[in-house]
Amino acid sequence: MQNYPEALITIGILAVITLLIRALPFILFKGSKPVPRFVSYLGKVLPYALIAMLVVYCLKDVSFTNGGTYGIPETIAIIVVALLHKLKHNMLLSIGAGTVLYMLLVQLVF
């Protein structure tokens, strides 16, 4: 229990940093000043870029040519996610359904 004060100090510092990070946009862009075009551009582009990076990261170790399932469960889940998102325009639904489907395929089918 001798690290108890050190843990409290660490938690306090992390809490202050988290608060500052969350408050920073409101401090920088307060009032009636328009949001810079660059920030608006990043707000439109970054979500799609992050999703693309996650897809690439998730598929980096999948072998589509040899061994195991040949990437069939991954491909089915990707198609379902894309179709659901195209039909419903709900990212949470699409990703959630794709994850559940993938896990069911891997655990029960393949």
PDB file of N, CA and C in Angstrom:
ATOM      1  N   MET A   1       0.809  -1.200   0.000  1.00  0.00           N
ATOM      2  CA  MET A   1       0.000   0.000   0.000  1.00  0.00           C
ATOM      3  C   MET A   1       0.849   1.259   0.000  1.00  0.00           C
ATOM      4  N   GLN A   2       2.139   1.132  -0.168  1.00  0.00           N
ATOM      5  CA  GLN A   2       2.982   2.312  -0.108  1.00  0.00           C
ATOM      6  C   GLN A   2       2.895   3.157  -1.369  1.00  0.00           C
ATOM      7  N   ASN A   3       2.347   2.649  -2.473  1.00  0.00           N
ATOM      8  CA  ASN A   3       2.196   3.412  -3.704  1.00  0.00           C
ATOM      9  C   ASN A   3       0.844   4.101  -3.803  1.00  0.00           C
ATOM     10  N   TYR A   4       0.080   4.086  -2.733  1.00  0.00           N
ATOM     11  CA  TYR A   4      -1.264   4.674  -2.753  1.00  0.00           C
ATOM     12  C   TYR A   4      -1.241   6.166  -3.105  1.00  0.00           C
ATOM     13  N   PRO A   5      -0.399   7.000  -2.495  1.00  0.00           N
ATOM     14  CA  PRO A   5      -0.369   8.422  -2.874  1.00  0.00           C
ATOM     15  C   PRO A   5       0.072   8.621  -4.328  1.00  0.00           C
ATOM     16  N   GLU A   6       1.014   7.810  -4.762  1.00  0.00           N
ATOM     17  CA  GLU A   6       1.483   7.926  -6.149  1.00  0.00           C
ATOM     18  C   GLU A   6       0.371   7.592  -7.132  1.00  0.00           C
ATOM     19  N   ALA A   7      -0.432   6.590  -6.829  1.00  0.00           N
ATOM     20  CA  ALA A   7      -1.559   6.231  -7.692  1.00  0.00           C
ATOM     21  C   ALA A   7      -2.583   7.353  -7.726  1.00  0.00           C
ATOM     22  N   LEU A   8      -2.871   7.956  -6.590  1.00  0.00           N
ATOM     23  CA  LEU A   8      -3.831   9.069  -6.560  1.00  0.00           C
ATOM     24  C   LEU A   8      -3.332  10.265  -7.354  1.00  0.00           C
ATOM     25  N   ILE A   9      -2.047  10.561  -7.250  1.00  0.00           N
ATOM     26  CA  ILE A   9      -1.476  11.671  -8.018  1.00  0.00           C
ATOM     27  C   ILE A   9      -1.568  11.365  -9.513  1.00  0.00           C
ATOM     28  N   THR A  10      -1.253  10.147  -9.903  1.00  0.00           N
ATOM     29  CA  THR A  10      -1.328   9.757 -11.314  1.00  0.00           C
ATOM     30  C   THR A  10      -2.757   9.878 -11.835  1.00  0.00           C
ATOM     31  N   ILE A  11      -3.712   9.395 -11.078  1.00  0.00           N
ATOM     32  CA  ILE A  11      -5.120   9.490 -11.491  1.00  0.00           C
ATOM     33  C   ILE A  11      -5.544  10.948 -11.595  1.00  0.00           C
ATOM     34  N   GLY A  12      -5.113  11.770 -10.662  1.00  0.00           N
ATOM     35  CA  GLY A  12      -5.452  13.194 -10.703  1.00  0.00           C
ATOM     36  C   GLY A  12      -4.889  13.881 -11.929  1.00  0.00           C
ATOM     37  N   ILE A  13      -3.617  13.599 -12.236  1.00  0.00           N
ATOM     38  CA  ILE A  13      -2.999  14.199 -13.419  1.00  0.00           C
ATOM     39  C   ILE A  13      -3.713  13.754 -14.687  1.00  0.00           C
ATOM     40  N   LEU A  14      -4.030  12.477 -14.786  1.00  0.00           N
ATOM     41  CA  LEU A  14      -4.743  11.975 -15.966  1.00  0.00           C
ATOM     42  C   LEU A  14      -6.126  12.598 -16.085  1.00  0.00           C
ATOM     43  N   ALA A  15      -6.790  12.798 -14.962  1.00  0.00           N
ATOM     44  CA  ALA A  15      -8.117  13.422 -14.989  1.00  0.00           C
ATOM     45  C   ALA A  15      -8.030  14.862 -15.478  1.00  0.00           C
ATOM     46  N   VAL A  16      -7.039  15.600 -15.013  1.00  0.00           N
ATOM     47  CA  VAL A  16      -6.872  16.995 -15.448  1.00  0.00           C
ATOM     48  C   VAL A  16      -6.538  17.062 -16.935  1.00  0.00           C
ATOM     49  N   ILE A  17      -5.650  16.195 -17.393  1.00  0.00           N
ATOM     50  CA  ILE A  17      -5.286  16.178 -18.814  1.00  0.00           C
ATOM     51  C   ILE A  17      -6.499  15.823 -19.672  1.00  0.00           C
ATOM     52  N   THR A  18      -7.284  14.841 -19.245  1.00  0.00           N
ATOM     53  CA  THR A  18      -8.482  14.465 -19.992  1.00  0.00           C
ATOM     54  C   THR A  18      -9.463  15.627 -20.052  1.00  0.00           C
ATOM     55  N   LEU A  19      -9.651  16.316 -18.950  1.00  0.00           N
ATOM     56  CA  LEU A  19     -10.546  17.480 -18.926  1.00  0.00           C
ATOM     57  C   LEU A  19     -10.058  18.576 -19.865  1.00  0.00           C
ATOM     58  N   LEU A  20      -8.760  18.837 -19.855  1.00  0.00           N
ATOM     59  CA  LEU A  20      -8.211  19.861 -20.738  1.00  0.00           C
ATOM     60  C   LEU A  20      -8.365  19.490 -22.212  1.00  0.00           C
ATOM     61  N   ILE A  21      -8.125  18.216 -22.527  1.00  0.00           N
ATOM     62  CA  ILE A  21      -8.265  17.786 -23.919  1.00  0.00           C
ATOM     63  C   ILE A  21      -9.712  17.954 -24.390  1.00  0.00           C
ATOM     64  N   ARG A  22     -10.647  17.621 -23.530  1.00  0.00           N
ATOM     65  CA  ARG A  22     -12.062  17.735 -23.910  1.00  0.00           C
ATOM     66  C   ARG A  22     -12.525  19.180 -23.943  1.00  0.00           C
ATOM     67  N   ALA A  23     -11.942  20.040 -23.124  1.00  0.00           N
ATOM     68  CA  ALA A  23     -12.360  21.442 -23.072  1.00  0.00           C
ATOM     69  C   ALA A  23     -11.657  22.305 -24.111  1.00  0.00           C
ATOM     70  N   LEU A  24     -10.528  21.842 -24.622  1.00  0.00           N
ATOM     71  CA  LEU A  24      -9.727  22.639 -25.553  1.00  0.00           C
ATOM     72  C   LEU A  24     -10.493  23.140 -26.776  1.00  0.00           C
ATOM     73  N   PRO A  25     -11.281  22.316 -27.461  1.00  0.00           N
ATOM     74  CA  PRO A  25     -12.021  22.846 -28.610  1.00  0.00           C
ATOM     75  C   PRO A  25     -12.988  23.970 -28.225  1.00  0.00           C
ATOM     76  N   PHE A  26     -13.607  23.856 -27.067  1.00  0.00           N
ATOM     77  CA  PHE A  26     -14.525  24.896 -26.632  1.00  0.00           C
ATOM     78  C   PHE A  26     -13.784  26.177 -26.261  1.00  0.00           C
ATOM     79  N   ILE A  27     -12.560  26.042 -25.779  1.00  0.00           N
ATOM     80  CA  ILE A  27     -11.749  27.212 -25.446  1.00  0.00           C
ATOM     81  C   ILE A  27     -11.234  27.878 -26.720  1.00  0.00           C
ATOM     82  N   LEU A  28     -10.770  27.080 -27.677  1.00  0.00           N
ATOM     83  CA  LEU A  28     -10.210  27.623 -28.911  1.00  0.00           C
ATOM     84  C   LEU A  28     -11.266  28.218 -29.841  1.00  0.00           C
ATOM     85  N   PHE A  29     -12.431  27.591 -29.919  1.00  0.00           N
ATOM     86  CA  PHE A  29     -13.452  28.008 -30.872  1.00  0.00           C
ATOM     87  C   PHE A  29     -14.678  28.572 -30.177  1.00  0.00           C
ATOM     88  N   LYS A  30     -14.468  29.362 -29.142  1.00  0.00           N
ATOM     89  CA  LYS A  30     -15.603  29.903 -28.400  1.00  0.00           C
ATOM     90  C   LYS A  30     -16.182  31.112 -29.116  1.00  0.00           C
ATOM     91  N   GLY A  31     -17.407  31.448 -28.735  1.00  0.00           N
ATOM     92  CA  GLY A  31     -18.049  32.625 -29.281  1.00  0.00           C
ATOM     93  C   GLY A  31     -18.598  32.414 -30.672  1.00  0.00           C
ATOM     94  N   SER A  32     -18.674  33.502 -31.393  1.00  0.00           N
ATOM     95  CA  SER A  32     -19.294  33.454 -32.719  1.00  0.00           C
ATOM     96  C   SER A  32     -18.272  33.328 -33.837  1.00  0.00           C
ATOM     97  N   LYS A  33     -17.015  33.063 -33.492  1.00  0.00           N
ATOM     98  CA  LYS A  33     -16.010  32.880 -34.530  1.00  0.00           C
ATOM     99  C   LYS A  33     -16.312  31.610 -35.318  1.00  0.00           C
ATOM    100  N   PRO A  34     -16.229  31.674 -36.629  1.00  0.00           N
ATOM    101  CA  PRO A  34     -16.485  30.460 -37.412  1.00  0.00           C
ATOM    102  C   PRO A  34     -15.355  29.448 -37.225  1.00  0.00           C
ATOM    103  N   VAL A  35     -15.718  28.181 -37.333  1.00  0.00           N
ATOM    104  CA  VAL A  35     -14.734  27.102 -37.230  1.00  0.00           C
ATOM    105  C   VAL A  35     -13.878  27.131 -38.497  1.00  0.00           C
ATOM    106  N   PRO A  36     -12.556  27.031 -38.356  1.00  0.00           N
ATOM    107  CA  PRO A  36     -11.688  27.044 -39.545  1.00  0.00           C
ATOM    108  C   PRO A  36     -12.046  25.914 -40.517  1.00  0.00           C
ATOM    109  N   ARG A  37     -11.853  26.194 -41.790  1.00  0.00           N
ATOM    110  CA  ARG A  37     -12.184  25.204 -42.824  1.00  0.00           C
ATOM    111  C   ARG A  37     -11.403  23.909 -42.647  1.00  0.00           C
ATOM    112  N   PHE A  38     -10.165  24.019 -42.207  1.00  0.00           N
ATOM    113  CA  PHE A  38      -9.334  22.831 -42.013  1.00  0.00           C
ATOM    114  C   PHE A  38      -9.931  21.911 -40.952  1.00  0.00           C
ATOM    115  N   VAL A  39     -10.431  22.488 -39.874  1.00  0.00           N
ATOM    116  CA  VAL A  39     -11.026  21.685 -38.810  1.00  0.00           C
ATOM    117  C   VAL A  39     -12.316  21.039 -39.302  1.00  0.00           C
ATOM    118  N   SER A  40     -13.121  21.773 -40.061  1.00  0.00           N
ATOM    119  CA  SER A  40     -14.344  21.201 -40.633  1.00  0.00           C
ATOM    120  C   SER A  40     -14.017  20.063 -41.592  1.00  0.00           C
ATOM    121  N   TYR A  41     -12.974  20.260 -42.393  1.00  0.00           N
ATOM    122  CA  TYR A  41     -12.542  19.215 -43.326  1.00  0.00           C
ATOM    123  C   TYR A  41     -12.126  17.954 -42.572  1.00  0.00           C
ATOM    124  N   LEU A  42     -11.335  18.126 -41.520  1.00  0.00           N
ATOM    125  CA  LEU A  42     -10.917  16.967 -40.733  1.00  0.00           C
ATOM    126  C   LEU A  42     -12.107  16.264 -40.096  1.00  0.00           C
ATOM    127  N   GLY A  43     -13.095  17.021 -39.664  1.00  0.00           N
ATOM    128  CA  GLY A  43     -14.290  16.430 -39.077  1.00  0.00           C
ATOM    129  C   GLY A  43     -15.069  15.585 -40.070  1.00  0.00           C
ATOM    130  N   LYS A  44     -14.976  15.927 -41.347  1.00  0.00           N
ATOM    131  CA  LYS A  44     -15.679  15.149 -42.377  1.00  0.00           C
ATOM    132  C   LYS A  44     -14.879  13.935 -42.838  1.00  0.00           C
ATOM    133  N   VAL A  45     -13.561  14.058 -42.870  1.00  0.00           N
ATOM    134  CA  VAL A  45     -12.711  13.037 -43.471  1.00  0.00           C
ATOM    135  C   VAL A  45     -12.199  12.005 -42.467  1.00  0.00           C
ATOM    136  N   LEU A  46     -11.866  12.417 -41.263  1.00  0.00           N
ATOM    137  CA  LEU A  46     -11.221  11.515 -40.312  1.00  0.00           C
ATOM    138  C   LEU A  46     -12.035  10.286 -39.924  1.00  0.00           C
ATOM    139  N   PRO A  47     -13.352  10.380 -39.713  1.00  0.00           N
ATOM    140  CA  PRO A  47     -14.072   9.154 -39.363  1.00  0.00           C
ATOM    141  C   PRO A  47     -13.926   8.053 -40.408  1.00  0.00           C
ATOM    142  N   TYR A  48     -14.003   8.403 -41.673  1.00  0.00           N
ATOM    143  CA  TYR A  48     -13.858   7.407 -42.732  1.00  0.00           C
ATOM    144  C   TYR A  48     -12.430   6.870 -42.798  1.00  0.00           C
ATOM    145  N   ALA A  49     -11.451   7.740 -42.598  1.00  0.00           N
ATOM    146  CA  ALA A  49     -10.059   7.305 -42.610  1.00  0.00           C
ATOM    147  C   ALA A  49      -9.779   6.350 -41.454  1.00  0.00           C
ATOM    148  N   LEU A  50     -10.335   6.639 -40.289  1.00  0.00           N
ATOM    149  CA  LEU A  50     -10.130   5.764 -39.135  1.00  0.00           C
ATOM    150  C   LEU A  50     -10.783   4.400 -39.341  1.00  0.00           C
ATOM    151  N   ILE A  51     -11.979   4.387 -39.912  1.00  0.00           N
ATOM    152  CA  ILE A  51     -12.643   3.112 -40.194  1.00  0.00           C
ATOM    153  C   ILE A  51     -11.820   2.307 -41.204  1.00  0.00           C
ATOM    154  N   ALA A  52     -11.298   2.976 -42.225  1.00  0.00           N
ATOM    155  CA  ALA A  52     -10.468   2.276 -43.219  1.00  0.00           C
ATOM    156  C   ALA A  52      -9.217   1.699 -42.564  1.00  0.00           C
ATOM    157  N   MET A  53      -8.588   2.447 -41.659  1.00  0.00           N
ATOM    158  CA  MET A  53      -7.417   1.938 -40.959  1.00  0.00           C
ATOM    159  C   MET A  53      -7.771   0.731 -40.096  1.00  0.00           C
ATOM    160  N   LEU A  54      -8.927   0.760 -39.447  1.00  0.00           N
ATOM    161  CA  LEU A  54      -9.351  -0.372 -38.635  1.00  0.00           C
ATOM    162  C   LEU A  54      -9.603  -1.609 -39.487  1.00  0.00           C
ATOM    163  N   VAL A  55     -10.193  -1.433 -40.663  1.00  0.00           N
ATOM    164  CA  VAL A  55     -10.440  -2.562 -41.558  1.00  0.00           C
ATOM    165  C   VAL A  55      -9.123  -3.174 -42.008  1.00  0.00           C
ATOM    166  N   VAL A  56      -8.183  -2.335 -42.405  1.00  0.00           N
ATOM    167  CA  VAL A  56      -6.879  -2.838 -42.834  1.00  0.00           C
ATOM    168  C   VAL A  56      -6.184  -3.559 -41.687  1.00  0.00           C
ATOM    169  N   TYR A  57      -6.243  -2.990 -40.493  1.00  0.00           N
ATOM    170  CA  TYR A  57      -5.614  -3.619 -39.326  1.00  0.00           C
ATOM    171  C   TYR A  57      -6.260  -4.967 -39.011  1.00  0.00           C
ATOM    172  N   CYS A  58      -7.574  -5.048 -39.109  1.00  0.00           N
ATOM    173  CA  CYS A  58      -8.266  -6.300 -38.795  1.00  0.00           C
ATOM    174  C   CYS A  58      -7.993  -7.386 -39.828  1.00  0.00           C
ATOM    175  N   LEU A  59      -7.738  -7.007 -41.053  1.00  0.00           N
ATOM    176  CA  LEU A  59      -7.546  -7.991 -42.120  1.00  0.00           C
ATOM    177  C   LEU A  59      -6.082  -8.283 -42.425  1.00  0.00           C
ATOM    178  N   LYS A  60      -5.161  -7.666 -41.691  1.00  0.00           N
ATOM    179  CA  LYS A  60      -3.741  -7.813 -42.031  1.00  0.00           C
ATOM    180  C   LYS A  60      -3.216  -9.235 -41.886  1.00  0.00           C
ATOM    181  N   ASP A  61      -3.779 -10.013 -40.986  1.00  0.00           N
ATOM    182  CA  ASP A  61      -3.280 -11.377 -40.765  1.00  0.00           C
ATOM    183  C   ASP A  61      -4.171 -12.457 -41.381  1.00  0.00           C
ATOM    184  N   VAL A  62      -5.182 -12.070 -42.124  1.00  0.00           N
ATOM    185  CA  VAL A  62      -6.093 -13.040 -42.730  1.00  0.00           C
ATOM    186  C   VAL A  62      -5.472 -13.554 -44.022  1.00  0.00           C
ATOM    187  N   SER A  63      -5.441 -14.872 -44.164  1.00  0.00           N
ATOM    188  CA  SER A  63      -4.907 -15.477 -45.376  1.00  0.00           C
ATOM    189  C   SER A  63      -6.078 -15.875 -46.280  1.00  0.00           C
ATOM    190  N   PHE A  64      -6.173 -15.209 -47.411  1.00  0.00           N
ATOM    191  CA  PHE A  64      -7.249 -15.501 -48.357  1.00  0.00           C
ATOM    192  C   PHE A  64      -6.860 -16.590 -49.349  1.00  0.00           C
ATOM    193  N   THR A  65      -5.612 -17.039 -49.314  1.00  0.00           N
ATOM    194  CA  THR A  65      -5.167 -17.998 -50.316  1.00  0.00           C
ATOM    195  C   THR A  65      -4.855 -19.390 -49.768  1.00  0.00           C
ATOM    196  N   ASN A  66      -4.458 -19.483 -48.525  1.00  0.00           N
ATOM    197  CA  ASN A  66      -4.113 -20.825 -48.027  1.00  0.00           C
ATOM    198  C   ASN A  66      -4.480 -20.984 -46.560  1.00  0.00           C
ATOM    199  N   GLY A  67      -4.869 -22.200 -46.230  1.00  0.00           N
ATOM    200  CA  GLY A  67      -5.105 -22.577 -44.848  1.00  0.00           C
ATOM    201  C   GLY A  67      -6.406 -22.106 -44.257  1.00  0.00           C
ATOM    202  N   GLY A  68      -6.888 -22.886 -43.321  1.00  0.00           N
ATOM    203  CA  GLY A  68      -8.045 -22.505 -42.529  1.00  0.00           C
ATOM    204  C   GLY A  68      -9.303 -22.227 -43.320  1.00  0.00           C
ATOM    205  N   THR A  69      -9.835 -21.071 -43.127  1.00  0.00           N
ATOM    206  CA  THR A  69     -11.138 -20.728 -43.714  1.00  0.00           C
ATOM    207  C   THR A  69     -11.026 -19.894 -44.980  1.00  0.00           C
ATOM    208  N   TYR A  70      -9.803 -19.584 -45.403  1.00  0.00           N
ATOM    209  CA  TYR A  70      -9.562 -18.782 -46.608  1.00  0.00           C
ATOM    210  C   TYR A  70     -10.233 -17.416 -46.544  1.00  0.00           C
ATOM    211  N   GLY A  71     -10.447 -16.891 -45.345  1.00  0.00           N
ATOM    212  CA  GLY A  71     -11.027 -15.558 -45.199  1.00  0.00           C
ATOM    213  C   GLY A  71     -12.511 -15.482 -45.486  1.00  0.00           C
ATOM    214  N   ILE A  72     -13.182 -16.623 -45.527  1.00  0.00           N
ATOM    215  CA  ILE A  72     -14.622 -16.634 -45.844  1.00  0.00           C
ATOM    216  C   ILE A  72     -15.449 -15.935 -44.772  1.00  0.00           C
ATOM    217  N   PRO A  73     -15.252 -16.194 -43.462  1.00  0.00           N
ATOM    218  CA  PRO A  73     -16.065 -15.488 -42.467  1.00  0.00           C
ATOM    219  C   PRO A  73     -15.822 -13.978 -42.476  1.00  0.00           C
ATOM    220  N   GLU A  74     -14.577 -13.575 -42.693  1.00  0.00           N
ATOM    221  CA  GLU A  74     -14.257 -12.154 -42.757  1.00  0.00           C
ATOM    222  C   GLU A  74     -14.948 -11.490 -43.943  1.00  0.00           C
ATOM    223  N   THR A  75     -14.909 -12.169 -45.093  1.00  0.00           N
ATOM    224  CA  THR A  75     -15.536 -11.622 -46.290  1.00  0.00           C
ATOM    225  C   THR A  75     -17.046 -11.506 -46.119  1.00  0.00           C
ATOM    226  N   ILE A  76     -17.670 -12.517 -45.553  1.00  0.00           N
ATOM    227  CA  ILE A  76     -19.124 -12.470 -45.329  1.00  0.00           C
ATOM    228  C   ILE A  76     -19.472 -11.321 -44.387  1.00  0.00           C
ATOM    229  N   ALA A  77     -18.704 -11.180 -43.302  1.00  0.00           N
ATOM    230  CA  ALA A  77     -18.974 -10.109 -42.338  1.00  0.00           C
ATOM    231  C   ALA A  77     -18.785  -8.735 -42.973  1.00  0.00           C
ATOM    232  N   ILE A  78     -17.772  -8.568 -43.797  1.00  0.00           N
ATOM    233  CA  ILE A  78     -17.538  -7.284 -44.469  1.00  0.00           C
ATOM    234  C   ILE A  78     -18.690  -6.953 -45.405  1.00  0.00           C
ATOM    235  N   ILE A  79     -19.159  -7.929 -46.152  1.00  0.00           N
ATOM    236  CA  ILE A  79     -20.283  -7.699 -47.066  1.00  0.00           C
ATOM    237  C   ILE A  79     -21.534  -7.309 -46.291  1.00  0.00           C
ATOM    238  N   VAL A  80     -21.797  -7.997 -45.177  1.00  0.00           N
ATOM    239  CA  VAL A  80     -22.978  -7.673 -44.365  1.00  0.00           C
ATOM    240  C   VAL A  80     -22.867  -6.265 -43.789  1.00  0.00           C
ATOM    241  N   VAL A  81     -21.678  -5.895 -43.301  1.00  0.00           N
ATOM    242  CA  VAL A  81     -21.487  -4.548 -42.756  1.00  0.00           C
ATOM    243  C   VAL A  81     -21.725  -3.507 -43.848  1.00  0.00           C
ATOM    244  N   ALA A  82     -21.167  -3.726 -45.019  1.00  0.00           N
ATOM    245  CA  ALA A  82     -21.332  -2.757 -46.115  1.00  0.00           C
ATOM    246  C   ALA A  82     -22.799  -2.647 -46.541  1.00  0.00           C
ATOM    247  N   LEU A  83     -23.477  -3.782 -46.675  1.00  0.00           N
ATOM    248  CA  LEU A  83     -24.886  -3.747 -47.085  1.00  0.00           C
ATOM    249  C   LEU A  83     -25.771  -3.082 -46.024  1.00  0.00           C
ATOM    250  N   LEU A  84     -25.566  -3.444 -44.767  1.00  0.00           N
ATOM    251  CA  LEU A  84     -26.352  -2.831 -43.702  1.00  0.00           C
ATOM    252  C   LEU A  84     -26.133  -1.326 -43.639  1.00  0.00           C
ATOM    253  N   HIS A  85     -24.875  -0.915 -43.783  1.00  0.00           N
ATOM    254  CA  HIS A  85     -24.612   0.522 -43.724  1.00  0.00           C
ATOM    255  C   HIS A  85     -25.218   1.248 -44.919  1.00  0.00           C
ATOM    256  N   LYS A  86     -25.188   0.606 -46.058  1.00  0.00           N
ATOM    257  CA  LYS A  86     -25.788   1.212 -47.260  1.00  0.00           C
ATOM    258  C   LYS A  86     -27.300   1.337 -47.106  1.00  0.00           C
ATOM    259  N   LEU A  87     -27.925   0.334 -46.499  1.00  0.00           N
ATOM    260  CA  LEU A  87     -29.387   0.342 -46.348  1.00  0.00           C
ATOM    261  C   LEU A  87     -29.867   1.200 -45.186  1.00  0.00           C
ATOM    262  N   LYS A  88     -29.202   1.100 -44.038  1.00  0.00           N
ATOM    263  CA  LYS A  88     -29.694   1.735 -42.811  1.00  0.00           C
ATOM    264  C   LYS A  88     -28.970   3.021 -42.428  1.00  0.00           C
ATOM    265  N   HIS A  89     -27.781   3.251 -42.973  1.00  0.00           N
ATOM    266  CA  HIS A  89     -26.975   4.435 -42.636  1.00  0.00           C
ATOM    267  C   HIS A  89     -26.777   4.579 -41.138  1.00  0.00           C
ATOM    268  N   ASN A  90     -26.543   3.453 -40.460  1.00  0.00           N
ATOM    269  CA  ASN A  90     -26.334   3.446 -39.021  1.00  0.00           C
ATOM    270  C   ASN A  90     -25.047   2.683 -38.738  1.00  0.00           C
ATOM    271  N   MET A  91     -23.996   3.416 -38.404  1.00  0.00           N
ATOM    272  CA  MET A  91     -22.688   2.797 -38.228  1.00  0.00           C
ATOM    273  C   MET A  91     -22.677   1.818 -37.057  1.00  0.00           C
ATOM    274  N   LEU A  92     -23.328   2.177 -35.963  1.00  0.00           N
ATOM    275  CA  LEU A  92     -23.351   1.304 -34.795  1.00  0.00           C
ATOM    276  C   LEU A  92     -24.038  -0.028 -35.120  1.00  0.00           C
ATOM    277  N   LEU A  93     -25.160   0.036 -35.817  1.00  0.00           N
ATOM    278  CA  LEU A  93     -25.870  -1.177 -36.222  1.00  0.00           C
ATOM    279  C   LEU A  93     -25.009  -2.020 -37.150  1.00  0.00           C
ATOM    280  N   SER A  94     -24.395  -1.385 -38.117  1.00  0.00           N
ATOM    281  CA  SER A  94     -23.583  -2.111 -39.093  1.00  0.00           C
ATOM    282  C   SER A  94     -22.407  -2.823 -38.444  1.00  0.00           C
ATOM    283  N   ILE A  95     -21.657  -2.091 -37.644  1.00  0.00           N
ATOM    284  CA  ILE A  95     -20.475  -2.680 -37.018  1.00  0.00           C
ATOM    285  C   ILE A  95     -20.887  -3.733 -36.000  1.00  0.00           C
ATOM    286  N   GLY A  96     -21.915  -3.466 -35.221  1.00  0.00           N
ATOM    287  CA  GLY A  96     -22.378  -4.438 -34.229  1.00  0.00           C
ATOM    288  C   GLY A  96     -22.859  -5.725 -34.869  1.00  0.00           C
ATOM    289  N   ALA A  97     -23.681  -5.608 -35.902  1.00  0.00           N
ATOM    290  CA  ALA A  97     -24.195  -6.798 -36.589  1.00  0.00           C
ATOM    291  C   ALA A  97     -23.066  -7.568 -37.267  1.00  0.00           C
ATOM    292  N   GLY A  98     -22.122  -6.858 -37.877  1.00  0.00           N
ATOM    293  CA  GLY A  98     -20.985  -7.529 -38.512  1.00  0.00           C
ATOM    294  C   GLY A  98     -20.119  -8.275 -37.509  1.00  0.00           C
ATOM    295  N   THR A  99     -19.915  -7.673 -36.344  1.00  0.00           N
ATOM    296  CA  THR A  99     -19.124  -8.322 -35.307  1.00  0.00           C
ATOM    297  C   THR A  99     -19.814  -9.573 -34.790  1.00  0.00           C
ATOM    298  N   VAL A 100     -21.118  -9.463 -34.512  1.00  0.00           N
ATOM    299  CA  VAL A 100     -21.872 -10.619 -34.017  1.00  0.00           C
ATOM    300  C   VAL A 100     -21.878 -11.727 -35.073  1.00  0.00           C
ATOM    301  N   LEU A 101     -22.134 -11.365 -36.329  1.00  0.00           N
ATOM    302  CA  LEU A 101     -22.150 -12.361 -37.400  1.00  0.00           C
ATOM    303  C   LEU A 101     -20.790 -13.044 -37.529  1.00  0.00           C
ATOM    304  N   TYR A 102     -19.721 -12.257 -37.503  1.00  0.00           N
ATOM    305  CA  TYR A 102     -18.377 -12.833 -37.616  1.00  0.00           C
ATOM    306  C   TYR A 102     -18.103 -13.812 -36.485  1.00  0.00           C
ATOM    307  N   MET A 103     -18.433 -13.414 -35.262  1.00  0.00           N
ATOM    308  CA  MET A 103     -18.191 -14.298 -34.126  1.00  0.00           C
ATOM    309  C   MET A 103     -19.025 -15.578 -34.225  1.00  0.00           C
ATOM    310  N   LEU A 104     -20.271 -15.451 -34.674  1.00  0.00           N
ATOM    311  CA  LEU A 104     -21.096 -16.653 -34.855  1.00  0.00           C
ATOM    312  C   LEU A 104     -20.516 -17.569 -35.929  1.00  0.00           C
ATOM    313  N   LEU A 105     -20.068 -16.984 -37.024  1.00  0.00           N
ATOM    314  CA  LEU A 105     -19.468 -17.778 -38.094  1.00  0.00           C
ATOM    315  C   LEU A 105     -18.217 -18.508 -37.609  1.00  0.00           C
ATOM    316  N   VAL A 106     -17.361 -17.800 -36.912  1.00  0.00           N
ATOM    317  CA  VAL A 106     -16.110 -18.402 -36.460  1.00  0.00           C
ATOM    318  C   VAL A 106     -16.353 -19.464 -35.397  1.00  0.00           C
ATOM    319  N   GLN A 107     -17.281 -19.206 -34.482  1.00  0.00           N
ATOM    320  CA  GLN A 107     -17.506 -20.136 -33.371  1.00  0.00           C
ATOM    321  C   GLN A 107     -18.382 -21.325 -33.750  1.00  0.00           C
ATOM    322  N   LEU A 108     -19.344 -21.123 -34.647  1.00  0.00           N
ATOM    323  CA  LEU A 108     -20.314 -22.182 -34.913  1.00  0.00           C
ATOM    324  C   LEU A 108     -20.199 -22.826 -36.291  1.00  0.00           C
ATOM    325  N   VAL A 109     -19.752 -22.097 -37.274  1.00  0.00           N
ATOM    326  CA  VAL A 109     -19.757 -22.618 -38.638  1.00  0.00           C
ATOM    327  C   VAL A 109     -18.357 -23.069 -39.078  1.00  0.00           C
ATOM    328  N   PHE A 110     -17.378 -22.245 -38.933  1.00  0.00           N
ATOM    329  CA  PHE A 110     -16.036 -22.557 -39.457  1.00  0.00           C
ATOM    330  C   PHE A 110     -15.121 -23.072 -38.373  1.00  0.00           C
TER     331      PHE A 110
END
